Amino acid sequence: MNKHQRIMFRATGFILFMLGISFSIIIMPNAQDIRMADNICNAKIEVMGHTLEIGSVAQIAFNSQEKCAQIHFLRLGVDYAWIAMSIGTILFFIGVWAGLGAKGKKEILG
């Protein structure tokens, strides 16, 4: 792996980790509210064996499709920000490991 590839791995890993952690720090205090709002937007009720999607009907009635779409993307971010942090950490350490060379790897492994 050449120098530019190592730099790319480290930079991409760092950016992914920072995006995930900053999203988590900013949004996580409101995670329960976001989940509740998403459940309201996608509300369903069962009446005599038929499932009625009252959430989508309410979105149309109150013209709030855009708000519910934003809430849905925030919910995805809340649920999956840890994946971006994990992938970022792995990419960063792959870039560091590739830059050590044979002598550095032997010193780490013992």
Protein backbone atom coordinates (compact mmCIF):
# COMPACT_ATOMS: atom_id res chain seq x y z
CA MET A 1 0.00 0.00 0.00
CA ASN A 2 1.53 3.31 -1.02
CA LYS A 3 1.64 6.56 0.96
CA HIS A 4 -1.41 8.14 -0.70
CA GLN A 5 -3.58 5.09 -0.02
CA ARG A 6 -2.55 5.09 3.64
CA ILE A 7 -3.37 8.77 3.93
CA MET A 8 -6.74 8.20 2.26
CA PHE A 9 -7.59 5.37 4.68
CA ARG A 10 -6.64 7.45 7.71
CA ALA A 11 -8.45 10.58 6.50
CA THR A 12 -11.61 8.71 5.50
CA GLY A 13 -11.62 6.81 8.79
CA PHE A 14 -11.13 9.98 10.80
CA ILE A 15 -13.89 11.82 8.93
CA LEU A 16 -16.37 8.95 9.31
CA PHE A 17 -15.59 8.63 13.01
CA MET A 18 -15.96 12.37 13.60
CA LEU A 19 -19.24 12.53 11.67
CA GLY A 20 -20.64 9.62 13.65
CA ILE A 21 -19.52 10.96 17.03
CA SER A 22 -20.68 14.51 16.34
CA PHE A 23 -24.07 13.26 15.14
CA SER A 24 -24.34 11.16 18.27
CA ILE A 25 -23.38 14.02 20.59
CA ILE A 26 -25.80 16.47 18.97
CA ILE A 27 -28.79 14.19 18.35
CA MET A 28 -28.62 11.51 21.08
CA PRO A 29 -30.20 13.66 23.84
CA ASN A 30 -33.32 13.81 21.65
CA ALA A 31 -33.21 10.17 20.49
CA GLN A 32 -36.35 9.12 22.36
CA ASP A 33 -38.31 12.05 20.92
CA ILE A 34 -37.12 11.21 17.40
CA ARG A 35 -38.16 7.57 17.77
CA MET A 36 -41.57 8.58 19.10
CA ALA A 37 -42.13 11.07 16.27
CA ASP A 38 -41.15 8.43 13.70
CA ASN A 39 -43.60 5.98 15.25
CA ILE A 40 -46.33 8.62 15.05
CA CYS A 41 -45.55 9.30 11.39
CA ASN A 42 -45.79 5.58 10.62
CA ALA A 43 -48.74 4.80 12.92
CA LYS A 44 -50.91 1.81 12.09
CA ILE A 45 -54.10 0.55 13.69
CA GLU A 46 -55.77 -2.81 13.35
CA VAL A 47 -59.55 -2.75 12.93
CA MET A 48 -61.41 -6.02 12.53
CA GLY A 49 -58.46 -7.78 10.92
CA HIS A 50 -57.54 -4.90 8.59
CA THR A 51 -54.44 -2.81 9.12
CA LEU A 52 -55.07 0.89 8.53
CA GLU A 53 -52.08 3.16 8.06
CA ILE A 54 -53.35 6.25 9.84
CA GLY A 55 -49.89 7.81 9.94
CA SER A 56 -49.68 8.19 6.17
CA VAL A 57 -53.27 9.49 6.00
CA ALA A 58 -52.47 12.08 8.67
CA GLN A 59 -49.33 13.12 6.77
CA ILE A 60 -51.41 13.80 3.69
CA ALA A 61 -54.16 15.55 5.66
CA PHE A 62 -51.77 17.86 7.50
CA ASN A 63 -49.32 18.19 4.59
CA SER A 64 -46.38 17.03 6.71
CA GLN A 65 -44.70 14.53 4.40
CA GLU A 66 -41.43 16.52 4.36
CA LYS A 67 -41.25 16.71 8.15
CA CYS A 68 -41.87 13.00 8.49
CA ALA A 69 -39.19 12.28 5.88
CA GLN A 70 -36.71 14.38 7.90
CA ILE A 71 -37.69 12.55 11.07
CA HIS A 72 -37.21 9.22 9.32
CA PHE A 73 -33.66 10.16 8.24
CA LEU A 74 -32.86 11.38 11.76
CA ARG A 75 -34.11 8.03 13.12
CA LEU A 76 -31.81 6.19 10.71
CA GLY A 77 -28.93 8.37 11.89
CA VAL A 78 -29.72 7.71 15.55
CA ASP A 79 -29.92 3.97 14.96
CA TYR A 80 -26.85 3.61 12.73
CA ALA A 81 -24.35 6.32 13.75
CA TRP A 82 -22.34 3.71 15.63
CA ILE A 83 -21.74 1.85 12.36
CA ALA A 84 -20.09 4.93 10.83
CA MET A 85 -17.92 5.28 13.95
CA SER A 86 -16.91 1.60 13.81
CA ILE A 87 -16.06 1.68 10.10
CA GLY A 88 -14.14 4.92 10.59
CA THR A 89 -12.10 3.40 13.41
CA ILE A 90 -11.31 0.31 11.37
CA LEU A 91 -10.26 2.33 8.31
CA PHE A 92 -8.08 4.62 10.42
CA PHE A 93 -6.24 1.74 12.04
CA ILE A 94 -5.81 -0.06 8.71
CA GLY A 95 -4.10 3.09 7.43
CA VAL A 96 -1.89 3.25 10.52
CA TRP A 97 -1.07 -0.48 10.39
CA ALA A 98 -0.13 -0.28 6.70
CA GLY A 99 2.28 2.56 7.43
CA LEU A 100 4.21 0.74 10.15
CA GLY A 101 6.27 -1.46 7.89
CA ALA A 102 7.62 -4.91 8.72
CA LYS A 103 9.79 -3.80 11.68
CA GLY A 104 6.96 -1.87 13.35
CA LYS A 105 4.53 -4.76 12.95
CA LYS A 106 7.03 -7.19 14.52
CA GLU A 107 7.45 -4.83 17.50
CA ILE A 108 3.68 -4.64 18.03
CA LEU A 109 3.12 -8.37 17.66
CA GLY A 110 5.96 -9.17 20.04
